[in-house]
N, C-alpha and C. Protein backbone atom coordinates (compact mmCIF):
# COMPACT_ATOMS: atom_id res chain seq x y z
N MET A 1 135.70 115.31 173.15
CA MET A 1 134.69 114.52 172.45
C MET A 1 133.39 115.32 172.37
N ARG A 2 132.78 115.30 171.20
CA ARG A 2 131.50 116.00 171.00
C ARG A 2 130.40 114.99 170.75
N LYS A 3 129.24 115.16 171.40
CA LYS A 3 128.08 114.32 171.14
C LYS A 3 126.91 115.18 170.74
N MET A 4 126.09 114.65 169.82
CA MET A 4 124.93 115.38 169.35
C MET A 4 123.80 114.39 169.08
N LYS A 5 122.58 114.73 169.50
CA LYS A 5 121.42 113.87 169.27
C LYS A 5 120.35 114.66 168.52
N TYR A 6 119.73 114.01 167.54
CA TYR A 6 118.66 114.65 166.78
C TYR A 6 117.77 113.59 166.15
N GLN A 7 116.64 114.01 165.61
CA GLN A 7 115.66 113.12 164.99
C GLN A 7 115.45 113.52 163.55
N MET A 8 115.25 112.51 162.68
CA MET A 8 115.00 112.76 161.26
C MET A 8 113.88 111.87 160.76
N ALA A 9 113.19 112.32 159.70
CA ALA A 9 112.22 111.49 159.00
C ALA A 9 112.89 110.92 157.75
N PHE A 10 112.80 109.60 157.58
CA PHE A 10 113.41 108.92 156.43
C PHE A 10 112.33 108.42 155.49
N ASP A 11 112.62 108.48 154.19
CA ASP A 11 111.77 107.87 153.19
C ASP A 11 111.81 106.36 153.38
N ARG A 12 110.66 105.69 153.30
CA ARG A 12 110.58 104.28 153.63
C ARG A 12 111.34 103.39 152.65
N ILE A 13 111.46 103.78 151.39
CA ILE A 13 112.14 102.93 150.40
C ILE A 13 113.63 103.26 150.32
N ASP A 14 113.96 104.52 150.08
CA ASP A 14 115.35 104.90 149.88
C ASP A 14 115.96 105.61 151.08
N GLY A 15 115.29 105.54 152.23
CA GLY A 15 115.75 106.29 153.39
C GLY A 15 117.10 105.85 153.91
N TYR A 16 117.34 104.55 153.99
CA TYR A 16 118.63 104.07 154.50
C TYR A 16 118.96 102.72 153.86
N PHE A 17 120.03 102.70 153.08
CA PHE A 17 120.52 101.42 152.58
C PHE A 17 122.01 101.50 152.32
N ILE A 18 122.63 100.34 152.35
CA ILE A 18 124.07 100.18 152.14
C ILE A 18 124.25 99.31 150.92
N THR A 19 125.18 99.69 150.03
CA THR A 19 125.49 98.81 148.90
C THR A 19 126.99 98.59 148.81
N ASN A 20 127.37 97.57 148.05
CA ASN A 20 128.79 97.24 147.89
C ASN A 20 129.45 98.04 146.77
N ALA A 21 128.71 98.93 146.11
CA ALA A 21 129.26 99.67 144.97
C ALA A 21 128.94 101.16 145.10
N ASP A 22 129.83 101.98 144.59
CA ASP A 22 129.65 103.43 144.62
C ASP A 22 128.87 103.85 143.38
N THR A 23 127.54 103.90 143.49
CA THR A 23 126.69 104.28 142.36
C THR A 23 125.61 105.24 142.84
N ASP A 24 124.91 105.85 141.90
CA ASP A 24 123.79 106.74 142.22
C ASP A 24 122.46 105.99 142.19
N ALA A 25 122.51 104.68 142.05
CA ALA A 25 121.29 103.89 141.91
C ALA A 25 120.47 103.90 143.19
N SER A 26 119.15 104.00 143.05
CA SER A 26 118.27 103.89 144.20
C SER A 26 118.15 102.42 144.60
N TRP A 27 117.55 102.16 145.77
CA TRP A 27 117.40 100.79 146.24
C TRP A 27 116.63 99.93 145.25
N GLU A 28 115.58 100.48 144.65
CA GLU A 28 114.75 99.69 143.74
C GLU A 28 115.44 99.40 142.42
N CYS A 29 116.58 100.08 142.16
CA CYS A 29 117.29 99.87 140.88
C CYS A 29 118.45 98.88 140.98
N ILE A 30 118.82 98.50 142.18
CA ILE A 30 119.93 97.54 142.27
C ILE A 30 119.38 96.12 142.08
N PRO A 31 120.14 95.21 141.47
CA PRO A 31 121.56 95.37 141.16
C PRO A 31 121.82 96.11 139.84
N VAL A 32 122.91 96.88 139.85
CA VAL A 32 123.43 97.46 138.62
C VAL A 32 124.75 96.74 138.33
N THR A 33 125.37 97.05 137.21
CA THR A 33 126.59 96.34 136.81
C THR A 33 127.67 96.42 137.87
N ALA A 34 127.81 97.59 138.50
CA ALA A 34 128.86 97.76 139.51
C ALA A 34 128.67 96.84 140.70
N ASN A 35 127.42 96.56 141.08
CA ASN A 35 127.16 95.66 142.21
C ASN A 35 127.69 94.26 141.94
N ALA A 36 127.54 93.79 140.71
CA ALA A 36 128.00 92.45 140.35
C ALA A 36 129.53 92.39 140.28
N GLN A 37 130.17 93.53 139.98
CA GLN A 37 131.62 93.54 139.80
C GLN A 37 132.40 93.70 141.10
N GLN A 38 131.78 94.33 142.10
CA GLN A 38 132.49 94.61 143.34
C GLN A 38 132.41 93.44 144.32
N PRO A 39 133.33 93.39 145.29
CA PRO A 39 133.29 92.31 146.29
C PRO A 39 131.99 92.35 147.10
N PRO A 40 131.56 91.22 147.63
CA PRO A 40 130.31 91.17 148.38
C PRO A 40 130.44 91.81 149.76
N ILE A 41 129.30 92.20 150.30
CA ILE A 41 129.23 92.64 151.70
C ILE A 41 129.39 91.42 152.59
N LYS A 42 130.12 91.58 153.70
CA LYS A 42 130.35 90.46 154.62
C LYS A 42 129.56 90.67 155.92
N LEU A 43 129.02 89.59 156.46
CA LEU A 43 128.29 89.61 157.72
C LEU A 43 128.96 88.70 158.73
N GLN A 44 128.95 89.14 159.98
CA GLN A 44 129.51 88.31 161.04
C GLN A 44 128.72 88.55 162.33
N SER A 45 128.21 87.47 162.93
CA SER A 45 127.52 87.59 164.21
C SER A 45 128.52 87.95 165.30
N ILE A 46 128.13 88.91 166.16
CA ILE A 46 129.00 89.36 167.23
C ILE A 46 128.46 88.86 168.57
N PRO A 47 129.20 88.00 169.26
CA PRO A 47 128.74 87.57 170.59
C PRO A 47 128.84 88.71 171.58
N TYR A 48 127.89 88.83 172.47
CA TYR A 48 127.89 89.91 173.46
C TYR A 48 127.02 89.51 174.63
N VAL A 49 127.10 90.28 175.70
CA VAL A 49 126.30 90.04 176.90
C VAL A 49 125.39 91.24 177.10
N ASP A 50 124.11 90.98 177.20
CA ASP A 50 123.12 92.04 177.41
C ASP A 50 122.17 91.58 178.51
N GLY A 51 122.20 92.25 179.64
CA GLY A 51 121.40 91.84 180.78
C GLY A 51 119.91 91.93 180.56
N TYR A 52 119.47 92.70 179.52
CA TYR A 52 118.04 92.86 179.27
C TYR A 52 117.47 91.78 178.37
N ASP A 53 118.33 91.07 177.67
CA ASP A 53 117.86 90.12 176.67
C ASP A 53 117.88 88.69 177.20
N ASP A 54 116.83 87.94 176.87
CA ASP A 54 116.73 86.57 177.34
C ASP A 54 117.63 85.62 176.57
N LEU A 55 117.80 85.88 175.27
CA LEU A 55 118.52 84.93 174.43
C LEU A 55 119.19 85.64 173.27
N ILE A 56 120.47 85.38 173.08
CA ILE A 56 121.19 85.94 171.94
C ILE A 56 120.98 85.00 170.77
N GLY A 57 120.41 85.49 169.67
CA GLY A 57 119.99 84.65 168.57
C GLY A 57 121.08 84.37 167.56
N ASN A 58 120.81 83.40 166.70
CA ASN A 58 121.66 83.06 165.57
C ASN A 58 121.08 83.74 164.33
N ILE A 59 121.92 84.26 163.45
CA ILE A 59 121.44 85.01 162.29
C ILE A 59 120.47 84.18 161.45
N GLY A 60 120.71 82.89 161.34
CA GLY A 60 119.82 82.04 160.55
C GLY A 60 118.41 81.98 161.10
N ASP A 61 118.25 82.21 162.41
CA ASP A 61 116.92 82.19 163.02
C ASP A 61 116.08 83.40 162.61
N PHE A 62 116.74 84.50 162.30
CA PHE A 62 116.05 85.76 162.05
C PHE A 62 115.66 85.95 160.58
N VAL A 63 116.20 85.11 159.70
CA VAL A 63 116.08 85.36 158.26
C VAL A 63 115.03 84.47 157.61
N THR A 64 114.23 85.08 156.73
CA THR A 64 113.28 84.33 155.91
C THR A 64 113.47 84.75 154.45
N SER A 65 113.03 83.88 153.55
CA SER A 65 113.14 84.17 152.12
C SER A 65 111.84 84.75 151.59
N LEU A 66 111.85 85.11 150.32
CA LEU A 66 110.68 85.72 149.68
C LEU A 66 109.48 84.78 149.71
N ASP A 67 109.70 83.51 149.36
CA ASP A 67 108.57 82.59 149.31
C ASP A 67 108.02 82.27 150.70
N GLU A 68 108.87 82.31 151.73
CA GLU A 68 108.40 82.06 153.09
C GLU A 68 107.48 83.17 153.58
N GLN A 69 107.64 84.36 153.00
CA GLN A 69 106.77 85.48 153.37
C GLN A 69 105.50 85.52 152.52
N GLY A 70 105.36 84.55 151.61
CA GLY A 70 104.14 84.45 150.84
C GLY A 70 104.14 85.21 149.53
N TYR A 71 105.31 85.67 149.07
CA TYR A 71 105.37 86.45 147.84
C TYR A 71 106.13 85.72 146.73
N TYR A 72 106.23 84.44 146.82
CA TYR A 72 106.99 83.66 145.85
C TYR A 72 106.43 83.83 144.44
N ASP A 73 107.31 84.07 143.50
CA ASP A 73 106.93 84.26 142.10
C ASP A 73 107.26 82.99 141.31
N PRO A 74 106.26 82.19 140.94
CA PRO A 74 106.53 80.92 140.26
C PRO A 74 107.10 81.10 138.85
N GLU A 75 107.02 82.31 138.29
CA GLU A 75 107.53 82.55 136.94
C GLU A 75 109.02 82.86 136.92
N LYS A 76 109.60 83.12 138.10
CA LYS A 76 111.03 83.39 138.14
C LYS A 76 111.80 82.11 137.84
N THR A 77 112.88 82.25 137.08
CA THR A 77 113.69 81.09 136.72
C THR A 77 114.89 80.93 137.63
N ILE A 78 115.28 82.01 138.31
CA ILE A 78 116.43 81.95 139.20
C ILE A 78 116.02 82.50 140.56
N TYR A 79 116.13 81.69 141.59
CA TYR A 79 115.78 82.10 142.94
C TYR A 79 116.42 81.11 143.91
N PHE A 80 116.38 81.43 145.19
CA PHE A 80 116.89 80.48 146.18
C PHE A 80 116.02 79.23 146.16
N ARG A 81 116.65 78.09 145.94
CA ARG A 81 115.90 76.84 145.84
C ARG A 81 115.36 76.37 147.19
N ASP A 82 116.15 76.56 148.22
CA ASP A 82 115.73 76.09 149.54
C ASP A 82 116.50 76.85 150.62
N GLN A 83 116.21 76.52 151.86
CA GLN A 83 116.83 77.23 152.98
C GLN A 83 118.34 77.03 153.01
N SER A 84 118.82 75.84 152.69
CA SER A 84 120.26 75.59 152.74
C SER A 84 121.00 76.49 151.75
N GLU A 85 120.39 76.74 150.57
CA GLU A 85 121.05 77.59 149.59
C GLU A 85 121.11 79.04 150.05
N TYR A 86 120.01 79.55 150.61
CA TYR A 86 120.09 80.96 151.02
C TYR A 86 120.91 81.14 152.31
N LEU A 87 121.01 80.10 153.13
CA LEU A 87 121.89 80.21 154.29
C LEU A 87 123.35 80.21 153.86
N ASP A 88 123.69 79.43 152.84
CA ASP A 88 125.05 79.46 152.30
C ASP A 88 125.38 80.86 151.77
N ALA A 89 124.41 81.48 151.07
CA ALA A 89 124.62 82.83 150.56
C ALA A 89 124.78 83.82 151.71
N LEU A 90 123.99 83.64 152.74
CA LEU A 90 124.02 84.53 153.90
C LEU A 90 125.37 84.47 154.59
N TYR A 91 125.95 83.28 154.70
CA TYR A 91 127.23 83.11 155.37
C TYR A 91 128.43 83.27 154.43
N GLY A 92 128.18 83.69 153.18
CA GLY A 92 129.26 83.92 152.23
C GLY A 92 129.89 82.66 151.69
N LYS A 93 129.17 81.53 151.74
CA LYS A 93 129.71 80.25 151.28
C LYS A 93 129.21 79.86 149.90
N SER A 94 128.38 80.68 149.28
CA SER A 94 127.80 80.34 147.98
C SER A 94 128.67 80.84 146.85
N GLU A 95 128.83 80.02 145.82
CA GLU A 95 129.54 80.45 144.62
C GLU A 95 128.59 81.09 143.61
N ASP A 96 127.28 80.98 143.86
CA ASP A 96 126.29 81.49 142.93
C ASP A 96 125.70 82.85 143.33
N TRP A 97 125.66 83.13 144.62
CA TRP A 97 125.01 84.34 145.12
C TRP A 97 125.98 85.16 145.97
N LYS A 98 125.83 86.49 145.91
CA LYS A 98 126.61 87.33 146.82
C LYS A 98 125.77 88.51 147.29
N LEU A 99 126.04 88.93 148.53
CA LEU A 99 125.30 90.02 149.16
C LEU A 99 125.78 91.35 148.62
N ILE A 100 124.84 92.16 148.07
CA ILE A 100 125.23 93.43 147.46
C ILE A 100 124.58 94.64 148.13
N GLY A 101 123.55 94.42 148.96
CA GLY A 101 122.86 95.56 149.56
C GLY A 101 122.08 95.20 150.80
N ILE A 102 121.96 96.17 151.71
CA ILE A 102 121.17 96.00 152.93
C ILE A 102 120.33 97.25 153.11
N GLN A 103 119.01 97.08 153.17
CA GLN A 103 118.10 98.20 153.41
C GLN A 103 117.47 98.02 154.78
N ILE A 104 117.40 99.11 155.56
CA ILE A 104 116.91 99.03 156.93
C ILE A 104 115.79 100.05 157.12
N ASP A 105 114.72 99.61 157.78
CA ASP A 105 113.66 100.54 158.17
C ASP A 105 113.24 100.21 159.60
N ASP A 106 112.08 100.70 160.01
CA ASP A 106 111.64 100.52 161.39
C ASP A 106 111.06 99.14 161.66
N CYS A 107 110.94 98.29 160.64
CA CYS A 107 110.34 96.96 160.80
C CYS A 107 111.32 95.81 160.62
N GLU A 108 112.27 95.96 159.70
CA GLU A 108 113.17 94.85 159.38
C GLU A 108 114.35 95.34 158.56
N ALA A 109 115.27 94.44 158.28
CA ALA A 109 116.37 94.70 157.35
C ALA A 109 116.19 93.76 156.17
N THR A 110 116.34 94.29 154.97
CA THR A 110 116.25 93.49 153.74
C THR A 110 117.65 93.30 153.19
N LEU A 111 118.04 92.06 152.97
CA LEU A 111 119.36 91.73 152.44
C LEU A 111 119.19 91.34 150.98
N MET A 112 119.82 92.09 150.08
CA MET A 112 119.67 91.84 148.64
C MET A 112 120.89 91.09 148.10
N PHE A 113 120.63 89.96 147.43
CA PHE A 113 121.68 89.14 146.84
C PHE A 113 121.55 89.18 145.32
N VAL A 114 122.68 89.10 144.63
CA VAL A 114 122.68 89.04 143.18
C VAL A 114 123.23 87.68 142.75
N TYR A 115 122.64 87.13 141.68
CA TYR A 115 123.08 85.84 141.15
C TYR A 115 124.35 86.04 140.33
N LYS A 116 125.06 84.97 140.06
CA LYS A 116 126.35 85.06 139.36
C LYS A 116 126.24 85.61 137.95
N ASP A 117 125.01 85.63 137.39
CA ASP A 117 124.85 86.22 136.06
C ASP A 117 124.87 87.75 136.12
N GLY A 118 124.88 88.32 137.33
CA GLY A 118 124.95 89.76 137.50
C GLY A 118 123.65 90.49 137.26
N PHE A 119 122.57 89.74 137.02
CA PHE A 119 121.29 90.37 136.67
C PHE A 119 120.18 90.02 137.66
N HIS A 120 120.00 88.74 137.91
CA HIS A 120 118.93 88.30 138.80
C HIS A 120 119.28 88.56 140.26
N SER A 121 118.28 88.99 141.02
CA SER A 121 118.50 89.26 142.44
C SER A 121 117.41 88.61 143.26
N GLU A 122 117.69 88.43 144.54
CA GLU A 122 116.74 87.82 145.45
C GLU A 122 116.97 88.39 146.85
N PRO A 123 115.89 88.79 147.55
CA PRO A 123 116.06 89.34 148.90
C PRO A 123 115.86 88.28 149.99
N LEU A 124 116.49 88.53 151.12
CA LEU A 124 116.17 87.84 152.36
C LEU A 124 115.73 88.90 153.35
N PHE A 125 114.89 88.52 154.32
CA PHE A 125 114.33 89.47 155.27
C PHE A 125 114.77 89.11 156.68
N LEU A 126 115.40 90.07 157.35
CA LEU A 126 115.87 89.87 158.71
C LEU A 126 114.95 90.64 159.64
N THR A 127 114.15 89.91 160.43
CA THR A 127 113.08 90.49 161.22
C THR A 127 113.27 90.17 162.70
N PRO A 128 112.95 91.11 163.61
CA PRO A 128 113.05 90.82 165.04
C PRO A 128 112.21 89.61 165.44
N ILE A 129 112.76 88.80 166.35
CA ILE A 129 112.07 87.62 166.88
C ILE A 129 111.86 87.82 168.37
N ALA A 130 110.65 87.51 168.84
CA ALA A 130 110.32 87.71 170.26
C ALA A 130 111.30 86.96 171.16
N GLY A 131 111.86 87.69 172.12
CA GLY A 131 112.75 87.09 173.10
C GLY A 131 114.18 86.89 172.65
N LYS A 132 114.52 87.35 171.44
CA LYS A 132 115.88 87.14 170.94
C LYS A 132 116.49 88.45 170.46
N SER A 133 117.82 88.50 170.48
CA SER A 133 118.56 89.67 170.00
C SER A 133 119.70 89.22 169.11
N LEU A 134 120.16 90.12 168.25
CA LEU A 134 121.22 89.79 167.31
C LEU A 134 122.06 91.02 167.05
N LYS A 135 123.39 90.83 167.06
CA LYS A 135 124.31 91.89 166.64
C LYS A 135 125.11 91.37 165.46
N LEU A 136 125.13 92.16 164.38
CA LEU A 136 125.85 91.77 163.17
C LEU A 136 126.88 92.82 162.80
N LEU A 137 128.11 92.40 162.59
CA LEU A 137 129.13 93.27 162.03
C LEU A 137 128.99 93.22 160.51
N ILE A 138 128.80 94.38 159.89
CA ILE A 138 128.68 94.49 158.44
C ILE A 138 129.96 95.12 157.91
N GLU A 139 130.61 94.45 156.98
CA GLU A 139 131.84 94.98 156.39
C GLU A 139 131.65 95.12 154.89
N VAL A 140 131.93 96.33 154.39
CA VAL A 140 131.80 96.61 152.96
C VAL A 140 133.19 96.94 152.41
N PRO A 141 133.86 95.95 151.77
CA PRO A 141 135.21 96.19 151.26
C PRO A 141 135.20 97.02 149.98
N HIS A 142 136.24 97.81 149.79
CA HIS A 142 136.40 98.61 148.58
C HIS A 142 137.71 98.25 147.89
N CYS A 143 137.79 98.54 146.62
CA CYS A 143 138.98 98.18 145.84
C CYS A 143 140.24 98.87 146.36
N CYS A 144 140.08 100.03 147.01
CA CYS A 144 141.24 100.77 147.50
C CYS A 144 141.74 100.22 148.83
N SER A 145 141.26 99.04 149.23
CA SER A 145 141.65 98.34 150.46
C SER A 145 140.99 98.91 151.71
N HIS A 146 140.19 99.96 151.58
CA HIS A 146 139.44 100.49 152.71
C HIS A 146 138.17 99.67 152.91
N THR A 147 137.75 99.47 154.15
CA THR A 147 136.53 98.72 154.47
C THR A 147 135.63 99.56 155.36
N ASP A 148 134.40 99.80 154.92
CA ASP A 148 133.41 100.46 155.77
C ASP A 148 132.84 99.44 156.75
N LYS A 149 132.64 99.88 158.00
CA LYS A 149 132.14 98.96 159.02
C LYS A 149 130.90 99.53 159.69
N TYR A 150 129.93 98.64 159.93
CA TYR A 150 128.67 98.99 160.58
C TYR A 150 128.35 97.89 161.58
N LEU A 151 127.59 98.24 162.62
CA LEU A 151 127.10 97.26 163.58
C LEU A 151 125.59 97.34 163.62
N LEU A 152 124.92 96.26 163.19
CA LEU A 152 123.46 96.21 163.16
C LEU A 152 122.96 95.46 164.39
N TYR A 153 121.99 96.05 165.09
CA TYR A 153 121.40 95.43 166.27
C TYR A 153 119.92 95.25 166.03
N VAL A 154 119.42 94.02 166.22
CA VAL A 154 118.01 93.71 166.03
C VAL A 154 117.53 92.96 167.26
N SER A 155 116.43 93.41 167.86
CA SER A 155 115.96 92.80 169.09
C SER A 155 114.45 92.93 169.23
N ASN A 156 113.85 91.93 169.85
CA ASN A 156 112.45 92.01 170.28
C ASN A 156 112.38 91.37 171.66
N CYS A 157 112.63 92.19 172.68
CA CYS A 157 112.66 91.68 174.05
C CYS A 157 111.67 92.45 174.90
N GLN A 158 111.93 92.59 176.18
CA GLN A 158 110.93 93.11 177.09
C GLN A 158 110.54 94.55 176.81
N PHE A 159 111.38 95.29 176.10
CA PHE A 159 111.05 96.67 175.78
C PHE A 159 110.49 96.84 174.37
N GLY A 160 110.17 95.74 173.68
CA GLY A 160 109.63 95.81 172.33
C GLY A 160 110.70 95.72 171.27
N ASN A 161 110.32 96.01 170.02
CA ASN A 161 111.25 95.94 168.89
C ASN A 161 112.30 97.04 168.96
N THR A 162 113.53 96.67 168.65
CA THR A 162 114.61 97.64 168.51
C THR A 162 115.43 97.28 167.29
N ILE A 163 115.60 98.24 166.38
CA ILE A 163 116.50 98.07 165.24
C ILE A 163 117.39 99.31 165.19
N SER A 164 118.69 99.09 165.24
CA SER A 164 119.62 100.22 165.18
C SER A 164 120.85 99.82 164.40
N ILE A 165 121.55 100.82 163.88
CA ILE A 165 122.81 100.56 163.19
C ILE A 165 123.81 101.64 163.59
N THR A 166 125.05 101.22 163.84
CA THR A 166 126.12 102.15 164.18
C THR A 166 127.09 102.21 163.02
N GLU A 167 127.36 103.42 162.55
CA GLU A 167 128.32 103.65 161.47
C GLU A 167 129.64 104.09 162.09
N TYR A 168 130.71 103.43 161.75
CA TYR A 168 132.03 103.78 162.29
C TYR A 168 132.80 104.61 161.28
N GLU A 169 133.25 105.79 161.73
CA GLU A 169 133.99 106.72 160.89
C GLU A 169 135.34 107.03 161.55
N PRO A 170 136.31 107.54 160.80
CA PRO A 170 137.60 107.91 161.41
C PRO A 170 137.44 108.95 162.53
N TRP A 171 136.40 109.78 162.42
CA TRP A 171 136.19 110.83 163.42
C TRP A 171 135.37 110.38 164.62
N GLY A 172 134.81 109.16 164.59
CA GLY A 172 133.98 108.69 165.68
C GLY A 172 132.92 107.72 165.17
N TYR A 173 131.67 107.90 165.62
CA TYR A 173 130.60 107.01 165.16
C TYR A 173 129.27 107.74 165.13
N ARG A 174 128.35 107.14 164.40
CA ARG A 174 126.97 107.65 164.32
C ARG A 174 126.04 106.46 164.57
N GLU A 175 125.19 106.56 165.58
CA GLU A 175 124.23 105.50 165.88
C GLU A 175 122.84 105.94 165.46
N ILE A 176 122.18 105.11 164.67
CA ILE A 176 120.85 105.42 164.14
C ILE A 176 119.87 104.40 164.68
N CYS A 177 118.85 104.87 165.41
CA CYS A 177 117.84 103.99 165.98
C CYS A 177 116.54 104.18 165.21
N PHE A 178 116.04 103.11 164.61
CA PHE A 178 114.84 103.15 163.78
C PHE A 178 113.62 102.95 164.67
N LYS A 179 112.69 103.90 164.62
CA LYS A 179 111.57 103.92 165.56
C LYS A 179 110.31 103.33 164.95
N ASN A 180 109.60 102.51 165.74
CA ASN A 180 108.33 101.94 165.31
C ASN A 180 107.26 103.02 165.17
N CYS A 181 106.34 102.82 164.23
CA CYS A 181 105.33 103.84 163.92
C CYS A 181 104.50 104.26 165.14
N GLU A 182 104.17 103.31 166.01
CA GLU A 182 103.27 103.66 167.10
C GLU A 182 103.92 104.56 168.13
N TYR A 183 105.24 104.76 168.05
CA TYR A 183 105.92 105.57 169.05
C TYR A 183 106.40 106.92 168.51
N ILE A 184 106.04 107.26 167.28
CA ILE A 184 106.58 108.48 166.68
C ILE A 184 105.49 109.53 166.49
N PRO A 185 105.87 110.80 166.40
CA PRO A 185 104.88 111.86 166.15
C PRO A 185 104.20 111.66 164.80
N GLU A 186 103.04 112.25 164.64
CA GLU A 186 102.32 112.12 163.39
C GLU A 186 103.09 112.78 162.25
N HIS A 187 102.96 112.20 161.08
CA HIS A 187 103.61 112.73 159.89
C HIS A 187 102.55 112.81 158.80
N PRO A 188 102.61 113.81 157.93
CA PRO A 188 101.59 113.94 156.87
C PRO A 188 101.41 112.70 156.02
N ASP A 189 102.49 111.93 155.85
CA ASP A 189 102.41 110.70 155.06
C ASP A 189 103.13 109.60 155.83
N ILE A 190 102.51 109.13 156.90
CA ILE A 190 103.17 108.19 157.79
C ILE A 190 103.49 106.87 157.10
N SER A 191 102.72 106.50 156.06
CA SER A 191 102.98 105.25 155.37
C SER A 191 104.25 105.30 154.54
N GLY A 192 104.66 106.50 154.11
CA GLY A 192 105.84 106.62 153.26
C GLY A 192 107.09 107.02 154.00
N TYR A 193 106.98 107.32 155.31
CA TYR A 193 108.13 107.78 156.08
C TYR A 193 108.20 107.06 157.42
N PHE A 194 109.38 107.05 158.00
CA PHE A 194 109.56 106.59 159.37
C PHE A 194 110.60 107.49 160.02
N TYR A 195 110.62 107.48 161.34
CA TYR A 195 111.52 108.35 162.07
C TYR A 195 112.72 107.58 162.61
N VAL A 196 113.84 108.30 162.75
CA VAL A 196 115.03 107.73 163.37
C VAL A 196 115.57 108.72 164.40
N ASP A 197 116.12 108.17 165.48
CA ASP A 197 116.88 108.96 166.45
C ASP A 197 118.35 108.75 166.15
N ILE A 198 119.12 109.83 166.03
CA ILE A 198 120.53 109.75 165.67
C ILE A 198 121.39 110.33 166.78
N THR A 199 122.43 109.60 167.14
CA THR A 199 123.43 110.08 168.09
C THR A 199 124.79 110.07 167.40
N GLU A 200 125.46 111.21 167.39
CA GLU A 200 126.79 111.31 166.81
C GLU A 200 127.80 111.57 167.91
N SER A 201 128.92 110.89 167.85
CA SER A 201 130.00 111.10 168.80
C SER A 201 131.30 111.34 168.02
N LYS A 202 131.89 112.50 168.23
CA LYS A 202 133.10 112.88 167.52
C LYS A 202 134.27 112.98 168.48
N LYS A 203 135.38 112.37 168.11
CA LYS A 203 136.56 112.37 168.97
C LYS A 203 137.16 113.76 169.10
């Protein structure tokens, strides 16, 4: 088994995101036609025991909508009407919305949903909550029957905010830990970049 650790600077917008479609589109350009045509990304809360955490949270506790963050656009004609509708979309129970993308940075994860018309989209924001932790299994199915799997960890406990994602590959795994700005070395454009610590383990 081989292990390797290193640090990288990521672009704040397009630095790290997952989509349900194989396209060259940047994060700001989705949804594209392929996103609407492909199966949705699936989320599942993973129960676990962590001696450092006071409380294992529920995914619904961590998520807020656009209007709850104060950016609601009254001119939009299609958006999540209320919390029950976006929770249905989050749990994959909605016939109108499906999850097509997840963007992660050092502050939060943004979950992008597309409406059934294939054009309108709406984000949800998954943010660390004081005293709670969350592990999410992310599954991205492909038409060839292969499924990409990731494990997202979000926590705000006694050691501060932690956001990390583990990518599972046939050869092993890659764990990416997103670092808060106050703990990273200076960067010429700190507002546009953030740092990650990466650990790779190869069988």
